[in-house]
C-alpha atoms as a PDB file:
ATOM      1  CA  MET A   1      13.920 -44.342   4.304  1.00  0.00           C
ATOM      2  CA  MET A   2      12.773 -45.782   1.000  1.00  0.00           C
ATOM      3  CA  LEU A   3       9.178 -44.661   1.664  1.00  0.00           C
ATOM      4  CA  LYS A   4      10.333 -41.127   2.409  1.00  0.00           C
ATOM      5  CA  LYS A   5      12.398 -40.955  -0.803  1.00  0.00           C
ATOM      6  CA  ARG A   6       9.541 -42.286  -2.914  1.00  0.00           C
ATOM      7  CA  ILE A   7       7.097 -39.727  -1.567  1.00  0.00           C
ATOM      8  CA  GLU A   8       9.618 -36.897  -1.991  1.00  0.00           C
ATOM      9  CA  ASP A   9      10.318 -37.957  -5.577  1.00  0.00           C
ATOM     10  CA  PHE A  10       6.611 -38.121  -6.383  1.00  0.00           C
ATOM     11  CA  CYS A  11       6.066 -34.627  -4.957  1.00  0.00           C
ATOM     12  CA  LYS A  12       8.951 -33.295  -7.039  1.00  0.00           C
ATOM     13  CA  SER A  13       7.439 -34.901 -10.150  1.00  0.00           C
ATOM     14  CA  ILE A  14       4.328 -32.731  -9.715  1.00  0.00           C
ATOM     15  CA  GLY A  15       6.275 -29.539  -8.973  1.00  0.00           C
ATOM     16  CA  LEU A  16       6.597 -29.615  -5.168  1.00  0.00           C
ATOM     17  CA  ASP A  17      10.141 -29.554  -3.790  1.00  0.00           C
ATOM     18  CA  THR A  18       9.736 -28.182  -0.259  1.00  0.00           C
ATOM     19  CA  ILE A  19       8.508 -31.074   1.865  1.00  0.00           C
ATOM     20  CA  GLY A  20       9.214 -32.471   5.339  1.00  0.00           C
ATOM     21  CA  PHE A  21       8.165 -35.247   7.698  1.00  0.00           C
ATOM     22  CA  ILE A  22       7.598 -35.387  11.454  1.00  0.00           C
ATOM     23  CA  PRO A  23       6.154 -38.054  13.768  1.00  0.00           C
ATOM     24  CA  CYS A  24       2.417 -37.759  14.353  1.00  0.00           C
ATOM     25  CA  ARG A  25       2.384 -36.745  18.017  1.00  0.00           C
ATOM     26  CA  ARG A  26       0.613 -34.457  20.452  1.00  0.00           C
ATOM     27  CA  PHE A  27       2.269 -31.028  20.588  1.00  0.00           C
ATOM     28  CA  ASP A  28       2.520 -30.927  24.374  1.00  0.00           C
ATOM     29  CA  GLU A  29       4.988 -28.045  24.305  1.00  0.00           C
ATOM     30  CA  LEU A  30       2.326 -25.652  22.962  1.00  0.00           C
ATOM     31  CA  GLU A  31      -0.333 -26.339  25.587  1.00  0.00           C
ATOM     32  CA  VAL A  32       0.762 -23.664  28.090  1.00  0.00           C
ATOM     33  CA  PHE A  33       0.885 -21.051  25.292  1.00  0.00           C
ATOM     34  CA  TYR A  34      -2.620 -21.885  24.045  1.00  0.00           C
ATOM     35  CA  ARG A  35      -4.147 -21.990  27.518  1.00  0.00           C
ATOM     36  CA  GLU A  36      -2.583 -18.653  28.476  1.00  0.00           C
ATOM     37  CA  ARG A  37      -3.824 -17.116  25.222  1.00  0.00           C
ATOM     38  CA  GLN A  38      -7.324 -18.392  25.934  1.00  0.00           C
ATOM     39  CA  LYS A  39      -7.188 -17.178  29.533  1.00  0.00           C
ATOM     40  CA  LEU A  40      -6.220 -13.672  28.365  1.00  0.00           C
ATOM     41  CA  GLY A  41      -9.116 -13.611  25.880  1.00  0.00           C
ATOM     42  CA  LEU A  42      -6.800 -13.296  22.874  1.00  0.00           C
ATOM     43  CA  GLN A  43      -8.447 -15.963  20.695  1.00  0.00           C
ATOM     44  CA  ASN A  44     -10.457 -14.621  17.783  1.00  0.00           C
ATOM     45  CA  GLU A  45     -13.450 -15.983  15.878  1.00  0.00           C
ATOM     46  CA  PHE A  46     -11.271 -17.827  13.368  1.00  0.00           C
ATOM     47  CA  GLU A  47      -9.498 -19.863  16.051  1.00  0.00           C
ATOM     48  CA  GLU A  48     -10.574 -23.249  17.401  1.00  0.00           C
ATOM     49  CA  GLN A  49     -11.761 -22.945  21.010  1.00  0.00           C
ATOM     50  CA  ASN A  50     -11.078 -26.605  21.835  1.00  0.00           C
ATOM     51  CA  ILE A  51      -7.363 -26.629  22.652  1.00  0.00           C
ATOM     52  CA  GLU A  52      -7.069 -30.399  22.342  1.00  0.00           C
ATOM     53  CA  LYS A  53      -7.989 -30.101  18.649  1.00  0.00           C
ATOM     54  CA  ARG A  54      -5.039 -27.756  18.235  1.00  0.00           C
ATOM     55  CA  LEU A  55      -2.603 -30.095  19.934  1.00  0.00           C
ATOM     56  CA  ASN A  56      -3.549 -33.658  19.025  1.00  0.00           C
ATOM     57  CA  PRO A  57      -3.314 -34.796  15.366  1.00  0.00           C
ATOM     58  CA  ASN A  58      -4.734 -38.206  16.216  1.00  0.00           C
ATOM     59  CA  LEU A  59      -8.136 -36.632  16.816  1.00  0.00           C
ATOM     60  CA  TYR A  60      -8.258 -36.218  13.027  1.00  0.00           C
ATOM     61  CA  MET A  61      -6.714 -39.565  12.118  1.00  0.00           C
ATOM     62  CA  LYS A  62      -6.594 -42.085  14.924  1.00  0.00           C
ATOM     63  CA  GLU A  63      -4.136 -44.358  13.158  1.00  0.00           C
ATOM     64  CA  GLY A  64      -1.866 -41.510  11.995  1.00  0.00           C
ATOM     65  CA  LYS A  65       1.860 -42.156  12.436  1.00  0.00           C
ATOM     66  CA  THR A  66       3.508 -39.467  10.279  1.00  0.00           C
ATOM     67  CA  ILE A  67       2.680 -35.887   9.287  1.00  0.00           C
ATOM     68  CA  ILE A  68       3.935 -34.692   5.897  1.00  0.00           C
ATOM     69  CA  SER A  69       4.225 -30.918   5.560  1.00  0.00           C
ATOM     70  CA  ILE A  70       4.393 -29.337   2.105  1.00  0.00           C
ATOM     71  CA  ALA A  71       4.945 -25.746   0.936  1.00  0.00           C
ATOM     72  CA  PHE A  72       3.090 -24.531  -2.169  1.00  0.00           C
ATOM     73  CA  PRO A  73       4.797 -21.482  -3.780  1.00  0.00           C
ATOM     74  CA  TYR A  74       2.244 -19.010  -5.096  1.00  0.00           C
ATOM     75  CA  TYR A  75       4.021 -15.858  -6.283  1.00  0.00           C
ATOM     76  CA  HIS A  76       3.884 -15.210 -10.040  1.00  0.00           C
ATOM     77  CA  ARG A  77       5.426 -12.227 -11.766  1.00  0.00           C
ATOM     78  CA  GLU A  78       3.977 -12.575 -15.230  1.00  0.00           C
ATOM     79  CA  ILE A  79       2.229  -9.241 -14.733  1.00  0.00           C
ATOM     80  CA  LYS A  80       5.046  -6.719 -14.432  1.00  0.00           C
ATOM     81  CA  ASP A  81       4.908  -4.531 -11.335  1.00  0.00           C
ATOM     82  CA  GLU A  82       1.750  -6.132  -9.992  1.00  0.00           C
ATOM     83  CA  VAL A  83      -0.710  -3.347  -9.202  1.00  0.00           C
ATOM     84  CA  ALA A  84      -0.876  -2.275  -5.548  1.00  0.00           C
ATOM     85  CA  ASN A  85      -4.658  -1.880  -5.433  1.00  0.00           C
ATOM     86  CA  GLY A  86      -5.287  -2.997  -1.868  1.00  0.00           C
ATOM     87  CA  PHE A  87      -5.347  -6.747  -2.429  1.00  0.00           C
ATOM     88  CA  SER A  88      -2.659  -8.934  -0.898  1.00  0.00           C
ATOM     89  CA  ILE A  89      -0.548 -10.898  -3.386  1.00  0.00           C
ATOM     90  CA  TYR A  90      -1.993 -14.227  -2.260  1.00  0.00           C
ATOM     91  CA  THR A  91      -5.570 -13.146  -3.010  1.00  0.00           C
ATOM     92  CA  LYS A  92      -4.856 -12.388  -6.667  1.00  0.00           C
ATOM     93  CA  ARG A  93      -4.992 -16.018  -7.746  1.00  0.00           C
ATOM     94  CA  LEU A  94      -7.312 -18.998  -7.593  1.00  0.00           C
ATOM     95  CA  ASP A  95      -8.545 -20.090  -4.173  1.00  0.00           C
ATOM     96  CA  TYR A  96      -5.589 -21.883  -2.624  1.00  0.00           C
ATOM     97  CA  HIS A  97      -7.866 -24.225  -0.667  1.00  0.00           C
ATOM     98  CA  ARG A  98      -9.018 -25.848  -3.902  1.00  0.00           C
ATOM     99  CA  VAL A  99      -5.605 -25.853  -5.577  1.00  0.00           C
ATOM    100  CA  VAL A 100      -3.703 -27.253  -2.588  1.00  0.00           C
ATOM    101  CA  LYS A 101      -6.414 -29.845  -1.928  1.00  0.00           C
ATOM    102  CA  LYS A 102      -6.072 -31.082  -5.532  1.00  0.00           C
ATOM    103  CA  TYR A 103      -2.343 -31.663  -5.018  1.00  0.00           C
ATOM    104  CA  LEU A 104      -2.882 -33.316  -1.641  1.00  0.00           C
ATOM    105  CA  ASN A 105      -5.411 -35.686  -3.185  1.00  0.00           C
ATOM    106  CA  GLU A 106      -2.850 -36.676  -5.834  1.00  0.00           C
ATOM    107  CA  ILE A 107      -0.245 -37.406  -3.157  1.00  0.00           C
ATOM    108  CA  SER A 108      -2.808 -39.324  -1.069  1.00  0.00           C
ATOM    109  CA  GLU A 109      -3.592 -41.528  -4.059  1.00  0.00           C
ATOM    110  CA  TYR A 110       0.113 -42.177  -4.525  1.00  0.00           C
ATOM    111  CA  ILE A 111       0.509 -43.095  -0.844  1.00  0.00           C
ATOM    112  CA  GLU A 112      -2.276 -45.632  -1.317  1.00  0.00           C
ATOM    113  CA  THR A 113      -0.167 -47.339  -3.996  1.00  0.00           C
ATOM    114  CA  LEU A 114       2.518 -47.713  -1.312  1.00  0.00           C
ATOM    115  CA  GLY A 115       0.071 -49.538   0.930  1.00  0.00           C
ATOM    116  CA  GLY A 116      -0.860 -46.646   3.193  1.00  0.00           C
ATOM    117  CA  LYS A 117      -3.743 -44.320   3.930  1.00  0.00           C
ATOM    118  CA  ALA A 118      -3.468 -40.544   3.933  1.00  0.00           C
ATOM    119  CA  LEU A 119      -5.674 -37.628   4.897  1.00  0.00           C
ATOM    120  CA  GLY A 120      -4.975 -34.153   3.494  1.00  0.00           C
ATOM    121  CA  PHE A 121      -5.530 -30.827   5.248  1.00  0.00           C
ATOM    122  CA  VAL A 122      -5.482 -27.238   4.047  1.00  0.00           C
ATOM    123  CA  ASP A 123      -7.059 -24.911   6.612  1.00  0.00           C
ATOM    124  CA  SER A 124      -9.404 -27.800   7.462  1.00  0.00           C
ATOM    125  CA  ASN A 125      -8.045 -28.535  10.919  1.00  0.00           C
ATOM    126  CA  ALA A 126      -6.929 -26.519  13.908  1.00  0.00           C
ATOM    127  CA  LEU A 127      -3.387 -27.871  14.101  1.00  0.00           C
ATOM    128  CA  PRO A 128      -0.447 -25.389  14.154  1.00  0.00           C
ATOM    129  CA  GLU A 129       0.578 -25.752  10.502  1.00  0.00           C
ATOM    130  CA  ARG A 130       3.407 -23.206  10.549  1.00  0.00           C
ATOM    131  CA  TYR A 131       4.874 -24.866  13.634  1.00  0.00           C
ATOM    132  CA  ILE A 132       4.557 -28.282  11.969  1.00  0.00           C
ATOM    133  CA  ALA A 133       6.307 -26.945   8.850  1.00  0.00           C
ATOM    134  CA  TYR A 134       9.021 -25.463  11.060  1.00  0.00           C
ATOM    135  CA  LEU A 135       9.564 -28.753  12.906  1.00  0.00           C
ATOM    136  CA  ALA A 136       9.654 -30.579   9.557  1.00  0.00           C
ATOM    137  CA  GLY A 137      12.473 -28.359   8.316  1.00  0.00           C
ATOM    138  CA  LEU A 138      10.603 -26.471   5.577  1.00  0.00           C
ATOM    139  CA  GLY A 139      11.898 -23.155   6.870  1.00  0.00           C
ATOM    140  CA  PHE A 140      11.964 -20.929   9.930  1.00  0.00           C
ATOM    141  CA  ILE A 141       9.378 -18.694  11.564  1.00  0.00           C
ATOM    142  CA  GLY A 142      10.385 -15.053  11.388  1.00  0.00           C
ATOM    143  CA  ARG A 143       9.602 -12.144  13.670  1.00  0.00           C
ATOM    144  CA  ASN A 144       6.503 -11.543  11.559  1.00  0.00           C
ATOM    145  CA  ASN A 145       5.245 -15.008  12.595  1.00  0.00           C
ATOM    146  CA  MET A 146       5.349 -16.248   9.001  1.00  0.00           C
ATOM    147  CA  LEU A 147       7.072 -19.390   7.799  1.00  0.00           C
ATOM    148  CA  ILE A 148      10.007 -18.360   5.613  1.00  0.00           C
ATOM    149  CA  THR A 149      11.449 -20.919   3.196  1.00  0.00           C
ATOM    150  CA  LYS A 150      14.889 -20.765   1.614  1.00  0.00           C
ATOM    151  CA  LYS A 151      13.697 -20.931  -2.010  1.00  0.00           C
ATOM    152  CA  TYR A 152      10.335 -19.126  -1.932  1.00  0.00           C
ATOM    153  CA  GLY A 153      10.597 -16.833   1.087  1.00  0.00           C
ATOM    154  CA  SER A 154       7.241 -16.461   2.826  1.00  0.00           C
ATOM    155  CA  TYR A 155       5.237 -16.617  -0.418  1.00  0.00           C
ATOM    156  CA  VAL A 156       3.936 -20.120   0.238  1.00  0.00           C
ATOM    157  CA  PHE A 157       0.717 -21.820   1.241  1.00  0.00           C
ATOM    158  CA  LEU A 158       0.973 -24.811   3.550  1.00  0.00           C
ATOM    159  CA  GLY A 159      -0.721 -28.176   3.364  1.00  0.00           C
ATOM    160  CA  GLU A 160      -0.415 -31.303   5.465  1.00  0.00           C
ATOM    161  CA  LEU A 161      -0.959 -35.002   4.983  1.00  0.00           C
ATOM    162  CA  MET A 162      -1.428 -37.428   7.842  1.00  0.00           C
ATOM    163  CA  THR A 163      -0.624 -41.027   7.009  1.00  0.00           C
ATOM    164  CA  ASP A 164      -0.742 -44.358   8.794  1.00  0.00           C
ATOM    165  CA  LEU A 165       2.645 -45.205   7.249  1.00  0.00           C
ATOM    166  CA  LYS A 166       5.483 -45.038   9.746  1.00  0.00           C
ATOM    167  CA  ILE A 167       8.120 -43.028   7.930  1.00  0.00           C
ATOM    168  CA  GLU A 168      11.580 -42.658   9.406  1.00  0.00           C
ATOM    169  CA  CYS A 169      11.772 -39.057  10.629  1.00  0.00           C
ATOM    170  CA  GLU A 170      12.123 -36.807  13.636  1.00  0.00           C
ATOM    171  CA  ASP A 171      11.384 -33.219  14.568  1.00  0.00           C
ATOM    172  CA  GLN A 172      14.232 -31.320  12.920  1.00  0.00           C
ATOM    173  CA  ARG A 173      13.987 -28.295  15.181  1.00  0.00           C
ATOM    174  CA  SER A 174      12.853 -27.413  18.688  1.00  0.00           C
ATOM    175  CA  GLN A 175      10.491 -24.846  20.176  1.00  0.00           C
ATOM    176  CA  ASP A 176      13.430 -23.299  22.048  1.00  0.00           C
ATOM    177  CA  GLU A 177      15.179 -22.484  18.756  1.00  0.00           C
ATOM    178  CA  LEU A 178      12.037 -20.926  17.316  1.00  0.00           C
ATOM    179  CA  ILE A 179      11.758 -18.072  19.797  1.00  0.00           C
ATOM    180  CA  LYS A 180      15.367 -16.954  19.247  1.00  0.00           C
ATOM    181  CA  TYR A 181      14.676 -15.733  15.661  1.00  0.00           C
ATOM    182  CA  ALA A 182      18.293 -16.579  14.850  1.00  0.00           C
ATOM    183  CA  GLU A 183      17.766 -16.293  11.097  1.00  0.00           C
ATOM    184  CA  CYS A 184      16.325 -12.791  11.479  1.00  0.00           C
ATOM    185  CA  GLY A 185      19.416 -11.628  13.311  1.00  0.00           C
ATOM    186  CA  ALA A 186      19.304  -7.905  14.047  1.00  0.00           C
ATOM    187  CA  CYS A 187      16.787  -7.246  11.258  1.00  0.00           C
ATOM    188  CA  LYS A 188      13.550  -5.656  12.440  1.00  0.00           C
ATOM    189  CA  ALA A 189      12.213  -4.497   9.082  1.00  0.00           C
ATOM    190  CA  CYS A 190       8.865  -6.235   9.554  1.00  0.00           C
ATOM    191  CA  LEU A 191       8.344  -4.573  12.949  1.00  0.00           C
ATOM    192  CA  LYS A 192       8.946  -1.151  11.424  1.00  0.00           C
ATOM    193  CA  GLU A 193       6.619  -1.838   8.499  1.00  0.00           C
ATOM    194  CA  CYS A 194       3.669  -3.312  10.425  1.00  0.00           C
ATOM    195  CA  PRO A 195       0.993  -0.579  10.201  1.00  0.00           C
ATOM    196  CA  THR A 196      -0.912  -1.680  13.316  1.00  0.00           C
ATOM    197  CA  LYS A 197       2.100  -2.853  15.392  1.00  0.00           C
ATOM    198  CA  SER A 198       0.535  -6.305  15.496  1.00  0.00           C
ATOM    199  CA  ILE A 199       4.115  -7.606  15.483  1.00  0.00           C
ATOM    200  CA  ASN A 200       6.442  -5.999  17.991  1.00  0.00           C
ATOM    201  CA  MET A 201       9.270  -6.747  20.394  1.00  0.00           C
ATOM    202  CA  SER A 202       7.034  -7.623  23.346  1.00  0.00           C
ATOM    203  CA  ARG A 203       3.840  -9.599  22.642  1.00  0.00           C
ATOM    204  CA  SER A 204       2.612 -10.065  19.080  1.00  0.00           C
ATOM    205  CA  ASN A 205      -1.137  -9.629  18.707  1.00  0.00           C
ATOM    206  CA  PRO A 206      -2.671 -11.166  15.563  1.00  0.00           C
ATOM    207  CA  ASN A 207      -6.053  -9.680  16.546  1.00  0.00           C
ATOM    208  CA  ILE A 208      -4.906  -6.268  15.351  1.00  0.00           C
ATOM    209  CA  CYS A 209      -3.099  -7.580  12.262  1.00  0.00           C
ATOM    210  CA  LEU A 210      -4.267  -5.552   9.266  1.00  0.00           C
ATOM    211  CA  SER A 211      -4.943  -8.732   7.300  1.00  0.00           C
ATOM    212  CA  TYR A 212      -7.257  -9.938  10.067  1.00  0.00           C
ATOM    213  CA  ILE A 213      -9.037  -6.578  10.228  1.00  0.00           C
ATOM    214  CA  THR A 214      -9.788  -6.695   6.478  1.00  0.00           C
ATOM    215  CA  GLN A 215     -11.558 -10.014   7.047  1.00  0.00           C
ATOM    216  CA  LYS A 216     -13.710  -9.000  10.019  1.00  0.00           C
ATOM    217  CA  LYS A 217     -17.443  -8.674   9.420  1.00  0.00           C
ATOM    218  CA  GLU A 218     -17.828  -5.684  11.722  1.00  0.00           C
ATOM    219  CA  LEU A 219     -15.342  -2.854  12.158  1.00  0.00           C
ATOM    220  CA  SER A 220     -15.012  -0.219  14.854  1.00  0.00           C
ATOM    221  CA  ASP A 221     -14.279   3.378  13.859  1.00  0.00           C
ATOM    222  CA  GLN A 222     -10.672   2.852  14.929  1.00  0.00           C
ATOM    223  CA  GLU A 223     -10.358  -0.247  12.745  1.00  0.00           C
ATOM    224  CA  ILE A 224     -11.788   1.663   9.782  1.00  0.00           C
ATOM    225  CA  LYS A 225      -8.972   4.199  10.207  1.00  0.00           C
ATOM    226  CA  LEU A 226      -6.392   1.414  10.449  1.00  0.00           C
ATOM    227  CA  LEU A 227      -7.637  -0.170   7.242  1.00  0.00           C
ATOM    228  CA  LYS A 228      -6.166   2.637   5.144  1.00  0.00           C
ATOM    229  CA  GLY A 229      -5.890   1.318   1.580  1.00  0.00           C
ATOM    230  CA  ASN A 230      -6.112  -2.407   2.224  1.00  0.00           C
ATOM    231  CA  ILE A 231      -9.077  -4.197   0.676  1.00  0.00           C
ATOM    232  CA  PHE A 232      -8.120  -7.765   1.594  1.00  0.00           C
ATOM    233  CA  GLY A 233      -5.018  -9.068   3.311  1.00  0.00           C
ATOM    234  CA  CYS A 234      -1.742  -7.305   4.070  1.00  0.00           C
ATOM    235  CA  ASP A 235       1.789  -7.642   2.645  1.00  0.00           C
ATOM    236  CA  PHE A 236       3.672  -4.864   4.462  1.00  0.00           C
ATOM    237  CA  CYS A 237       5.917  -7.209   6.469  1.00  0.00           C
ATOM    238  CA  GLN A 238       6.512  -9.521   3.491  1.00  0.00           C
ATOM    239  CA  LEU A 239       7.450  -6.816   1.019  1.00  0.00           C
ATOM    240  CA  LYS A 240      10.315  -5.537   3.186  1.00  0.00           C
ATOM    241  CA  CYS A 241      11.616  -8.924   4.330  1.00  0.00           C
ATOM    242  CA  PRO A 242      15.181  -9.502   3.007  1.00  0.00           C
ATOM    243  CA  TYR A 243      14.378 -13.192   2.530  1.00  0.00           C
ATOM    244  CA  ASN A 244      11.734 -12.244  -0.058  1.00  0.00           C
ATOM    245  CA  GLU A 245      14.064 -10.193  -2.257  1.00  0.00           C
ATOM    246  CA  GLU A 246      15.352 -13.043  -4.416  1.00  0.00           C
ATOM    247  CA  VAL A 247      12.779 -15.828  -4.529  1.00  0.00           C
ATOM    248  CA  ALA A 248      11.779 -18.380  -7.148  1.00  0.00           C
ATOM    249  CA  THR A 249       8.478 -17.422  -8.782  1.00  0.00           C
ATOM    250  CA  ASN A 250       6.049 -18.727 -11.419  1.00  0.00           C
ATOM    251  CA  VAL A 251       6.291 -22.303 -10.117  1.00  0.00           C
ATOM    252  CA  LEU A 252       2.741 -23.699 -10.010  1.00  0.00           C
ATOM    253  CA  GLU A 253       0.679 -22.654 -13.022  1.00  0.00           C
ATOM    254  CA  GLU A 254      -2.570 -22.798 -11.022  1.00  0.00           C
ATOM    255  CA  PHE A 255      -1.367 -19.743  -9.087  1.00  0.00           C
ATOM    256  CA  GLN A 256      -0.929 -17.415 -12.056  1.00  0.00           C
ATOM    257  CA  THR A 257      -2.106 -13.889 -11.286  1.00  0.00           C
ATOM    258  CA  LEU A 258      -5.713 -13.270 -12.325  1.00  0.00           C
ATOM    259  CA  VAL A 259      -5.764 -10.119 -14.460  1.00  0.00           C
ATOM    260  CA  HIS A 260      -9.111  -8.948 -13.077  1.00  0.00           C
ATOM    261  CA  MET A 261      -7.595  -8.789  -9.582  1.00  0.00           C
ATOM    262  CA  ASN A 262      -5.564  -5.738 -10.610  1.00  0.00           C
ATOM    263  CA  GLU A 263      -8.566  -3.474 -11.273  1.00  0.00           C
ATOM    264  CA  PRO A 264      -8.975  -0.120  -9.449  1.00  0.00           C
ATOM    265  CA  ALA A 265     -10.953  -0.068  -6.189  1.00  0.00           C
ATOM    266  CA  ASN A 266     -14.130   1.381  -7.722  1.00  0.00           C
ATOM    267  CA  VAL A 267     -14.676  -1.874  -9.668  1.00  0.00           C
ATOM    268  CA  TYR A 268     -14.941  -3.838  -6.413  1.00  0.00           C
ATOM    269  CA  ALA A 269     -16.839  -1.104  -4.583  1.00  0.00           C
ATOM    270  CA  GLY A 270     -19.640  -1.268  -7.125  1.00  0.00           C
ATOM    271  CA  MET A 271     -19.629  -4.947  -8.046  1.00  0.00           C
ATOM    272  CA  ASP A 272     -22.936  -6.810  -8.284  1.00  0.00           C
ATOM    273  CA  ASN A 273     -23.715 -10.463  -7.552  1.00  0.00           C
ATOM    274  CA  SER A 274     -22.905 -11.536 -11.086  1.00  0.00           C
ATOM    275  CA  TYR A 275     -19.424  -9.943 -11.028  1.00  0.00           C
ATOM    276  CA  PHE A 276     -18.695 -11.371  -7.589  1.00  0.00           C
ATOM    277  CA  LYS A 277     -19.763 -14.893  -8.553  1.00  0.00           C
ATOM    278  CA  GLU A 278     -17.779 -14.915 -11.797  1.00  0.00           C
ATOM    279  CA  LYS A 279     -14.655 -12.996 -10.808  1.00  0.00           C
ATOM    280  CA  MET A 280     -14.226 -12.962  -7.023  1.00  0.00           C
ATOM    281  CA  SER A 281     -15.782 -16.175  -5.777  1.00  0.00           C
ATOM    282  CA  PRO A 282     -13.042 -18.396  -7.294  1.00  0.00           C
ATOM    283  CA  THR A 283     -10.259 -16.425  -5.544  1.00  0.00           C
ATOM    284  CA  SER A 284      -8.701 -16.788  -2.102  1.00  0.00           C
ATOM    285  CA  CYS A 285     -10.732 -13.863  -0.755  1.00  0.00           C
ATOM    286  CA  GLY A 286     -14.078 -14.938  -2.235  1.00  0.00           C
ATOM    287  CA  TRP A 287     -14.999 -17.048   0.811  1.00  0.00           C
ATOM    288  CA  ARG A 288     -15.607 -13.863   2.823  1.00  0.00           C
ATOM    289  CA  GLY A 289     -18.490 -12.812   0.590  1.00  0.00           C
ATOM    290  CA  LYS A 290     -19.260  -9.804  -1.570  1.00  0.00           C
ATOM    291  CA  ASN A 291     -20.153  -7.163   1.015  1.00  0.00           C
ATOM    292  CA  VAL A 292     -16.982  -7.319   3.120  1.00  0.00           C
ATOM    293  CA  ILE A 293     -14.895  -6.786  -0.029  1.00  0.00           C
ATOM    294  CA  ARG A 294     -17.229  -4.009  -1.211  1.00  0.00           C
ATOM    295  CA  ARG A 295     -17.055  -2.336   2.205  1.00  0.00           C
ATOM    296  CA  ASN A 296     -13.247  -2.400   2.235  1.00  0.00           C
ATOM    297  CA  ALA A 297     -13.063  -1.056  -1.327  1.00  0.00           C
ATOM    298  CA  ILE A 298     -15.384   1.811  -0.361  1.00  0.00           C
ATOM    299  CA  ILE A 299     -13.200   2.567   2.672  1.00  0.00           C
ATOM    300  CA  HIS A 300     -10.167   2.444   0.356  1.00  0.00           C
ATOM    301  CA  MET A 301     -11.792   5.060  -1.900  1.00  0.00           C
ATOM    302  CA  ASP A 302     -12.812   7.249   1.033  1.00  0.00           C
ATOM    303  CA  HIS A 303      -9.227   7.252   2.323  1.00  0.00           C
ATOM    304  CA  ALA A 304      -8.141   8.345  -1.150  1.00  0.00           C
ATOM    305  CA  GLY A 305     -10.576  11.276  -1.046  1.00  0.00           C
ATOM    306  CA  LEU A 306     -12.864   9.811  -3.716  1.00  0.00           C
ATOM    307  CA  PRO A 307     -16.691  10.094  -3.568  1.00  0.00           C
ATOM    308  CA  ILE A 308     -18.547   7.067  -2.135  1.00  0.00           C
ATOM    309  CA  GLU A 309     -22.196   8.163  -1.852  1.00  0.00           C
ATOM    310  CA  GLN A 310     -23.020   6.581  -5.228  1.00  0.00           C
ATOM    311  CA  TYR A 311     -22.473   3.118  -3.726  1.00  0.00           C
ATOM    312  CA  LYS A 312     -25.506   3.395  -1.478  1.00  0.00           C
ATOM    313  CA  GLY A 313     -28.214   0.932  -2.452  1.00  0.00           C
ATOM    314  CA  ASP A 314     -30.335  -1.879  -1.096  1.00  0.00           C
ATOM    315  CA  SER A 315     -27.701  -3.219   1.344  1.00  0.00           C
ATOM    316  CA  PRO A 316     -28.192  -1.858   4.893  1.00  0.00           C
ATOM    317  CA  TYR A 317     -24.725  -3.233   5.727  1.00  0.00           C
ATOM    318  CA  ILE A 318     -22.992  -1.164   3.020  1.00  0.00           C
ATOM    319  CA  ASN A 319     -25.195   1.884   3.643  1.00  0.00           C
ATOM    320  CA  ASN A 320     -24.273   1.848   7.329  1.00  0.00           C
ATOM    321  CA  TYR A 321     -20.539   2.036   6.562  1.00  0.00           C
ATOM    322  CA  ILE A 322     -21.000   4.792   3.987  1.00  0.00           C
ATOM    323  CA  GLU A 323     -22.994   6.826   6.531  1.00  0.00           C
ATOM    324  CA  ARG A 324     -20.347   6.306   9.200  1.00  0.00           C
ATOM    325  CA  LEU A 325     -17.591   7.342   6.830  1.00  0.00           C
ATOM    326  CA  THR A 326     -19.379  10.501   5.685  1.00  0.00           C
ATOM    327  CA  GLN A 327     -20.504  11.475   9.193  1.00  0.00           C
ATOM    328  CA  ASN A 328     -17.005  11.157  10.629  1.00  0.00           C
ATOM    329  CA  LYS A 329     -15.508  13.734   8.284  1.00  0.00           C
END
């Protein structure tokens, strides 16, 4: 218990107060779900094909005994009425992979002073991080499949640490509780708001989630129509969630809103390599590269009835989408 308290206190000292612990174990209860999903061909290109890597933490750290799950609040409101320009709230700040990894490294170094070893993960493994956070008591998983915390709502990034220290803990919740959506009650706001019906009352399908579509390299004509005004990511279900109405904001200074992420779509539609490298590359959407963001910004403008022919140039990829958009009118 002393180890747990020390680690919690250290996390609080660096601004992190939503943290939980579970035993490092194989998540046997998820195997049927993953195998059925694979059998039905529902896995997408971002998902790990090897199911064992999704179930067994000890493949990443053989001597792991405890998983520490931590929520990193990212929403800042220092820019009043943040501009709705097609970018999801999470993309308008520094790349969370780098920020979260920095914090995890600090905690790992502290764990070493306690005589243990720790390995940090932020999108660098295939384990079910929202499920781990749920089991660890950080929050609940809503109908929109997002982890919702009491203090920060769903505006959090997740990171995990695996350690060889055996810390007194147990799974705080069960899989059976998860699927009841008790905390959501009768509320179905997210289902009504979802523009693609990716979340619904029967079988949720993340492969048609608007956020996923904005990140795809190739889009069908139908997906182009679904994109509407979104350039990267999607917040429809978050913005109407009652649990996001009164949340603590402006917590971690590294996640302050970047002013240049509130520009109009034409800025991103016409950006060159220099602009992308300086302004976009350090953000949470920069990993996808310049042309996907340019393409989505051009689609955004086309949906708004603005001219797009001027963005033709030396990129066959961009030219192809402009031609498809103009031909389909």
